[in-house]
Structure formats: structure tokens, C-alpha cells
Amino acid sequence: PADVPCEREADLSLDYRLFEGSHTADIAGPSGNKSGDILSKKLMIAVLKETSKALEEKKIDCVIQALEAED
């Protein structure tokens, strides 16, 4: 049957080269963050507000309110 889980021999592993180079700027990872790449909280809230207006997304509004409440 199609709904029976298959047994895998090993865990999924990814080649480290996938996470190196200029094409990986949008990949979040523990070693991928550089001090210049980290958004300030105010900038992150501003970006979320723009996204919320563009998408008319109420869930993003809740995230914005929670971030602003932390200050």
C-alpha cells in the first residue's frame, strides 16, 4: 500500500557546499549568519509592516504586535 512508511537506511545528509557561496545569503543556519547580515529589530518590524500591507495578512500583524510589545 502507498500509505505505509518506508524504512530509510540513514538520516538525510546535505553536502556542506550547498551552504557556501554568494547564492546562500537567504539560507538561515547557525554558521551562515554574519554580523552584517543580522537585521535590527526595528528594521525587521518595518519590513514586516510593509509585507503585511502588501499581503493584507493578519498573521503578520500579530507578529508585529508581539515584537513591538517586547520593547
PDB file of N, CA and C in Angstrom:
ATOM      1  N   PRO A   1       0.820  -1.199   0.000  1.00  0.00           N
ATOM      2  CA  PRO A   1       0.000   0.000   0.000  1.00  0.00           C
ATOM      3  C   PRO A   1       0.866   1.266   0.000  1.00  0.00           C
ATOM      4  N   ALA A   2       0.324   2.327  -0.530  1.00  0.00           N
ATOM      5  CA  ALA A   2       1.064   3.582  -0.677  1.00  0.00           C
ATOM      6  C   ALA A   2       1.214   4.339   0.640  1.00  0.00           C
ATOM      7  N   ASP A   3       0.379   4.059   1.630  1.00  0.00           N
ATOM      8  CA  ASP A   3       0.443   4.827   2.869  1.00  0.00           C
ATOM      9  C   ASP A   3       1.326   4.187   3.944  1.00  0.00           C
ATOM     10  N   VAL A   4       2.087   3.189   3.593  1.00  0.00           N
ATOM     11  CA  VAL A   4       2.994   2.537   4.537  1.00  0.00           C
ATOM     12  C   VAL A   4       4.335   3.265   4.511  1.00  0.00           C
ATOM     13  N   PRO A   5       4.825   3.704   5.679  1.00  0.00           N
ATOM     14  CA  PRO A   5       6.109   4.415   5.687  1.00  0.00           C
ATOM     15  C   PRO A   5       7.251   3.490   5.288  1.00  0.00           C
ATOM     16  N   CYS A   6       8.195   4.032   4.562  1.00  0.00           N
ATOM     17  CA  CYS A   6       9.331   3.222   4.142  1.00  0.00           C
ATOM     18  C   CYS A   6      10.462   3.360   5.158  1.00  0.00           C
ATOM     19  N   GLU A   7      11.229   2.324   5.282  1.00  0.00           N
ATOM     20  CA  GLU A   7      12.383   2.334   6.177  1.00  0.00           C
ATOM     21  C   GLU A   7      13.566   2.941   5.441  1.00  0.00           C
ATOM     22  N   ARG A   8      14.225   3.887   6.066  1.00  0.00           N
ATOM     23  CA  ARG A   8      15.393   4.523   5.462  1.00  0.00           C
ATOM     24  C   ARG A   8      16.640   4.012   6.162  1.00  0.00           C
ATOM     25  N   GLU A   9      17.697   3.845   5.385  1.00  0.00           N
ATOM     26  CA  GLU A   9      18.942   3.329   5.942  1.00  0.00           C
ATOM     27  C   GLU A   9      19.660   4.354   6.809  1.00  0.00           C
ATOM     28  N   ALA A  10      19.612   5.636   6.413  1.00  0.00           N
ATOM     29  CA  ALA A  10      20.356   6.657   7.147  1.00  0.00           C
ATOM     30  C   ALA A  10      19.564   7.960   7.164  1.00  0.00           C
ATOM     31  N   ASP A  11      19.951   8.851   8.074  1.00  0.00           N
ATOM     32  CA  ASP A  11      19.346  10.171   8.127  1.00  0.00           C
ATOM     33  C   ASP A  11      19.708  10.956   6.873  1.00  0.00           C
ATOM     34  N   LEU A  12      18.906  11.946   6.575  1.00  0.00           N
ATOM     35  CA  LEU A  12      19.182  12.821   5.448  1.00  0.00           C
ATOM     36  C   LEU A  12      20.440  13.630   5.730  1.00  0.00           C
ATOM     37  N   SER A  13      21.338  13.665   4.787  1.00  0.00           N
ATOM     38  CA  SER A  13      22.542  14.481   4.950  1.00  0.00           C
ATOM     39  C   SER A  13      22.694  15.376   3.730  1.00  0.00           C
ATOM     40  N   LEU A  14      23.198  16.573   3.962  1.00  0.00           N
ATOM     41  CA  LEU A  14      23.376  17.547   2.899  1.00  0.00           C
ATOM     42  C   LEU A  14      24.845  17.894   2.770  1.00  0.00           C
ATOM     43  N   ASP A  15      25.287  18.064   1.566  1.00  0.00           N
ATOM     44  CA  ASP A  15      26.674  18.428   1.318  1.00  0.00           C
ATOM     45  C   ASP A  15      26.912  19.861   1.783  1.00  0.00           C
ATOM     46  N   TYR A  16      28.004  20.094   2.485  1.00  0.00           N
ATOM     47  CA  TYR A  16      28.308  21.414   3.034  1.00  0.00           C
ATOM     48  C   TYR A  16      28.409  22.479   1.944  1.00  0.00           C
ATOM     49  N   ARG A  17      28.730  22.086   0.729  1.00  0.00           N
ATOM     50  CA  ARG A  17      28.890  23.052  -0.363  1.00  0.00           C
ATOM     51  C   ARG A  17      27.577  23.729  -0.735  1.00  0.00           C
ATOM     52  N   LEU A  18      26.443  23.123  -0.358  1.00  0.00           N
ATOM     53  CA  LEU A  18      25.154  23.754  -0.618  1.00  0.00           C
ATOM     54  C   LEU A  18      24.982  25.030   0.188  1.00  0.00           C
ATOM     55  N   PHE A  19      25.703  25.155   1.296  1.00  0.00           N
ATOM     56  CA  PHE A  19      25.533  26.282   2.206  1.00  0.00           C
ATOM     57  C   PHE A  19      26.689  27.266   2.141  1.00  0.00           C
ATOM     58  N   GLU A  20      27.471  27.206   1.102  1.00  0.00           N
ATOM     59  CA  GLU A  20      28.596  28.115   0.926  1.00  0.00           C
ATOM     60  C   GLU A  20      28.404  28.929  -0.343  1.00  0.00           C
ATOM     61  N   GLY A  21      29.014  30.099  -0.382  1.00  0.00           N
ATOM     62  CA  GLY A  21      28.995  30.912  -1.587  1.00  0.00           C
ATOM     63  C   GLY A  21      27.981  32.032  -1.530  1.00  0.00           C
ATOM     64  N   SER A  22      27.995  32.847  -2.554  1.00  0.00           N
ATOM     65  CA  SER A  22      27.143  34.036  -2.583  1.00  0.00           C
ATOM     66  C   SER A  22      25.666  33.698  -2.777  1.00  0.00           C
ATOM     67  N   HIS A  23      25.347  32.542  -3.318  1.00  0.00           N
ATOM     68  CA  HIS A  23      23.954  32.173  -3.563  1.00  0.00           C
ATOM     69  C   HIS A  23      23.216  31.766  -2.294  1.00  0.00           C
ATOM     70  N   THR A  24      23.896  31.703  -1.177  1.00  0.00           N
ATOM     71  CA  THR A  24      23.275  31.217   0.053  1.00  0.00           C
ATOM     72  C   THR A  24      22.907  32.317   1.028  1.00  0.00           C
ATOM     73  N   ALA A  25      22.870  33.548   0.602  1.00  0.00           N
ATOM     74  CA  ALA A  25      22.609  34.660   1.526  1.00  0.00           C
ATOM     75  C   ALA A  25      21.259  34.532   2.231  1.00  0.00           C
ATOM     76  N   ASP A  26      20.262  33.906   1.599  1.00  0.00           N
ATOM     77  CA  ASP A  26      18.933  33.806   2.188  1.00  0.00           C
ATOM     78  C   ASP A  26      18.730  32.552   3.029  1.00  0.00           C
ATOM     79  N   ILE A  27      19.727  31.699   3.113  1.00  0.00           N
ATOM     80  CA  ILE A  27      19.602  30.473   3.891  1.00  0.00           C
ATOM     81  C   ILE A  27      19.984  30.771   5.333  1.00  0.00           C
ATOM     82  N   ALA A  28      19.075  30.469   6.247  1.00  0.00           N
ATOM     83  CA  ALA A  28      19.365  30.687   7.662  1.00  0.00           C
ATOM     84  C   ALA A  28      20.003  29.435   8.231  1.00  0.00           C
ATOM     85  N   GLY A  29      21.091  29.606   8.900  1.00  0.00           N
ATOM     86  CA  GLY A  29      21.779  28.483   9.508  1.00  0.00           C
ATOM     87  C   GLY A  29      22.695  28.972  10.602  1.00  0.00           C
ATOM     88  N   PRO A  30      23.116  28.082  11.485  1.00  0.00           N
ATOM     89  CA  PRO A  30      23.936  28.512  12.615  1.00  0.00           C
ATOM     90  C   PRO A  30      25.265  29.120  12.199  1.00  0.00           C
ATOM     91  N   SER A  31      25.855  28.636  11.117  1.00  0.00           N
ATOM     92  CA  SER A  31      27.139  29.183  10.705  1.00  0.00           C
ATOM     93  C   SER A  31      26.991  30.163   9.551  1.00  0.00           C
ATOM     94  N   GLY A  32      25.780  30.351   9.064  1.00  0.00           N
ATOM     95  CA  GLY A  32      25.569  31.230   7.927  1.00  0.00           C
ATOM     96  C   GLY A  32      25.399  32.687   8.291  1.00  0.00           C
ATOM     97  N   ASN A  33      25.175  32.973   9.575  1.00  0.00           N
ATOM     98  CA  ASN A  33      24.968  34.353   9.988  1.00  0.00           C
ATOM     99  C   ASN A  33      26.287  35.091  10.118  1.00  0.00           C
ATOM    100  N   LYS A  34      26.323  36.273   9.555  1.00  0.00           N
ATOM    101  CA  LYS A  34      27.462  37.161   9.720  1.00  0.00           C
ATOM    102  C   LYS A  34      26.943  38.409  10.407  1.00  0.00           C
ATOM    103  N   SER A  35      27.774  39.100  11.133  1.00  0.00           N
ATOM    104  CA  SER A  35      27.315  40.247  11.906  1.00  0.00           C
ATOM    105  C   SER A  35      26.632  41.298  11.034  1.00  0.00           C
ATOM    106  N   GLY A  36      27.056  41.467   9.794  1.00  0.00           N
ATOM    107  CA  GLY A  36      26.447  42.441   8.905  1.00  0.00           C
ATOM    108  C   GLY A  36      25.116  41.995   8.336  1.00  0.00           C
ATOM    109  N   ASP A  37      24.790  40.716   8.445  1.00  0.00           N
ATOM    110  CA  ASP A  37      23.563  40.177   7.869  1.00  0.00           C
ATOM    111  C   ASP A  37      22.381  40.209   8.833  1.00  0.00           C
ATOM    112  N   ILE A  38      22.625  40.511  10.080  1.00  0.00           N
ATOM    113  CA  ILE A  38      21.569  40.454  11.086  1.00  0.00           C
ATOM    114  C   ILE A  38      20.751  41.741  11.041  1.00  0.00           C
ATOM    115  N   LEU A  39      19.424  41.599  10.877  1.00  0.00           N
ATOM    116  CA  LEU A  39      18.537  42.751  10.862  1.00  0.00           C
ATOM    117  C   LEU A  39      18.344  43.289  12.270  1.00  0.00           C
ATOM    118  N   SER A  40      18.276  44.594  12.377  1.00  0.00           N
ATOM    119  CA  SER A  40      17.911  45.157  13.665  1.00  0.00           C
ATOM    120  C   SER A  40      16.424  44.888  13.881  1.00  0.00           C
ATOM    121  N   LYS A  41      16.016  44.909  15.123  1.00  0.00           N
ATOM    122  CA  LYS A  41      14.621  44.632  15.441  1.00  0.00           C
ATOM    123  C   LYS A  41      13.707  45.670  14.785  1.00  0.00           C
ATOM    124  N   LYS A  42      14.121  46.943  14.806  1.00  0.00           N
ATOM    125  CA  LYS A  42      13.303  47.999  14.200  1.00  0.00           C
ATOM    126  C   LYS A  42      13.174  47.798  12.694  1.00  0.00           C
ATOM    127  N   LEU A  43      14.267  47.418  12.046  1.00  0.00           N
ATOM    128  CA  LEU A  43      14.229  47.182  10.607  1.00  0.00           C
ATOM    129  C   LEU A  43      13.357  45.975  10.285  1.00  0.00           C
ATOM    130  N   MET A  44      13.453  44.932  11.112  1.00  0.00           N
ATOM    131  CA  MET A  44      12.640  43.741  10.895  1.00  0.00           C
ATOM    132  C   MET A  44      11.155  44.093  11.011  1.00  0.00           C
ATOM    133  N   ILE A  45      10.789  44.903  12.000  1.00  0.00           N
ATOM    134  CA  ILE A  45       9.394  45.305  12.170  1.00  0.00           C
ATOM    135  C   ILE A  45       8.937  46.125  10.968  1.00  0.00           C
ATOM    136  N   ALA A  46       9.793  47.021  10.476  1.00  0.00           N
ATOM    137  CA  ALA A  46       9.442  47.835   9.308  1.00  0.00           C
ATOM    138  C   ALA A  46       9.205  46.960   8.077  1.00  0.00           C
ATOM    139  N   VAL A  47      10.065  45.972   7.877  1.00  0.00           N
ATOM    140  CA  VAL A  47       9.907  45.060   6.737  1.00  0.00           C
ATOM    141  C   VAL A  47       8.623  44.254   6.881  1.00  0.00           C
ATOM    142  N   LEU A  48       8.336  43.790   8.089  1.00  0.00           N
ATOM    143  CA  LEU A  48       7.104  43.028   8.317  1.00  0.00           C
ATOM    144  C   LEU A  48       5.866  43.884   8.061  1.00  0.00           C
ATOM    145  N   LYS A  49       5.916  45.161   8.448  1.00  0.00           N
ATOM    146  CA  LYS A  49       4.775  46.052   8.209  1.00  0.00           C
ATOM    147  C   LYS A  49       4.535  46.240   6.717  1.00  0.00           C
ATOM    148  N   GLU A  50       5.606  46.416   5.954  1.00  0.00           N
ATOM    149  CA  GLU A  50       5.466  46.549   4.500  1.00  0.00           C
ATOM    150  C   GLU A  50       4.876  45.277   3.897  1.00  0.00           C
ATOM    151  N   THR A  51       5.363  44.136   4.355  1.00  0.00           N
ATOM    152  CA  THR A  51       4.867  42.855   3.855  1.00  0.00           C
ATOM    153  C   THR A  51       3.401  42.673   4.207  1.00  0.00           C
ATOM    154  N   SER A  52       3.041  43.058   5.424  1.00  0.00           N
ATOM    155  CA  SER A  52       1.664  42.928   5.874  1.00  0.00           C
ATOM    156  C   SER A  52       0.725  43.769   5.018  1.00  0.00           C
ATOM    157  N   LYS A  53       1.139  45.003   4.720  1.00  0.00           N
ATOM    158  CA  LYS A  53       0.307  45.873   3.878  1.00  0.00           C
ATOM    159  C   LYS A  53       0.158  45.288   2.480  1.00  0.00           C
ATOM    160  N   ALA A  54       1.247  44.771   1.942  1.00  0.00           N
ATOM    161  CA  ALA A  54       1.212  44.224   0.589  1.00  0.00           C
ATOM    162  C   ALA A  54       0.333  42.978   0.508  1.00  0.00           C
ATOM    163  N   LEU A  55       0.395  42.142   1.530  1.00  0.00           N
ATOM    164  CA  LEU A  55      -0.342  40.875   1.505  1.00  0.00           C
ATOM    165  C   LEU A  55      -1.691  40.951   2.202  1.00  0.00           C
ATOM    166  N   GLU A  56      -1.921  42.043   2.942  1.00  0.00           N
ATOM    167  CA  GLU A  56      -3.110  42.170   3.781  1.00  0.00           C
ATOM    168  C   GLU A  56      -3.233  40.942   4.683  1.00  0.00           C
ATOM    169  N   GLU A  57      -2.125  40.605   5.330  1.00  0.00           N
ATOM    170  CA  GLU A  57      -2.021  39.377   6.122  1.00  0.00           C
ATOM    171  C   GLU A  57      -2.146  39.693   7.615  1.00  0.00           C
ATOM    172  N   LYS A  58      -3.149  39.151   8.248  1.00  0.00           N
ATOM    173  CA  LYS A  58      -3.399  39.417   9.668  1.00  0.00           C
ATOM    174  C   LYS A  58      -2.423  38.683  10.582  1.00  0.00           C
ATOM    175  N   LYS A  59      -1.913  37.527  10.161  1.00  0.00           N
ATOM    176  CA  LYS A  59      -0.959  36.795  10.997  1.00  0.00           C
ATOM    177  C   LYS A  59       0.324  37.592  11.173  1.00  0.00           C
ATOM    178  N   ILE A  60       0.748  38.284  10.120  1.00  0.00           N
ATOM    179  CA  ILE A  60       1.951  39.111  10.223  1.00  0.00           C
ATOM    180  C   ILE A  60       1.701  40.257  11.191  1.00  0.00           C
ATOM    181  N   ASP A  61       0.478  40.805  11.194  1.00  0.00           N
ATOM    182  CA  ASP A  61       0.146  41.876  12.136  1.00  0.00           C
ATOM    183  C   ASP A  61       0.317  41.402  13.578  1.00  0.00           C
ATOM    184  N   CYS A  62      -0.041  40.159  13.856  1.00  0.00           N
ATOM    185  CA  CYS A  62       0.121  39.607  15.207  1.00  0.00           C
ATOM    186  C   CYS A  62       1.597  39.494  15.579  1.00  0.00           C
ATOM    187  N   VAL A  63       2.431  39.102  14.626  1.00  0.00           N
ATOM    188  CA  VAL A  63       3.873  39.006  14.872  1.00  0.00           C
ATOM    189  C   VAL A  63       4.441  40.391  15.159  1.00  0.00           C
ATOM    190  N   ILE A  64       4.013  41.389  14.380  1.00  0.00           N
ATOM    191  CA  ILE A  64       4.478  42.763  14.580  1.00  0.00           C
ATOM    192  C   ILE A  64       4.096  43.245  15.975  1.00  0.00           C
ATOM    193  N   GLN A  65       2.859  43.018  16.372  1.00  0.00           N
ATOM    194  CA  GLN A  65       2.405  43.455  17.695  1.00  0.00           C
ATOM    195  C   GLN A  65       3.201  42.777  18.801  1.00  0.00           C
ATOM    196  N   ALA A  66       3.498  41.507  18.648  1.00  0.00           N
ATOM    197  CA  ALA A  66       4.272  40.787  19.664  1.00  0.00           C
ATOM    198  C   ALA A  66       5.690  41.333  19.755  1.00  0.00           C
ATOM    199  N   LEU A  67       6.313  41.627  18.615  1.00  0.00           N
ATOM    200  CA  LEU A  67       7.669  42.179  18.619  1.00  0.00           C
ATOM    201  C   LEU A  67       7.700  43.568  19.239  1.00  0.00           C
ATOM    202  N   GLU A  68       6.702  44.385  18.918  1.00  0.00           N
ATOM    203  CA  GLU A  68       6.652  45.734  19.481  1.00  0.00           C
ATOM    204  C   GLU A  68       6.373  45.701  20.978  1.00  0.00           C
ATOM    205  N   ALA A  69       5.619  44.718  21.436  1.00  0.00           N
ATOM    206  CA  ALA A  69       5.297  44.604  22.860  1.00  0.00           C
ATOM    207  C   ALA A  69       6.516  44.226  23.692  1.00  0.00           C
ATOM    208  N   GLU A  70       7.513  43.586  23.064  1.00  0.00           N
ATOM    209  CA  GLU A  70       8.723  43.191  23.787  1.00  0.00           C
ATOM    210  C   GLU A  70       9.551  44.390  24.215  1.00  0.00           C
ATOM    211  N   ASP A  71       9.429  45.503  23.486  1.00  0.00           N
ATOM    212  CA  ASP A  71      10.229  46.695  23.804  1.00  0.00           C
ATOM    213  C   ASP A  71       9.694  47.437  24.950  1.00  0.00           C
TER     214      ASP A  71
END
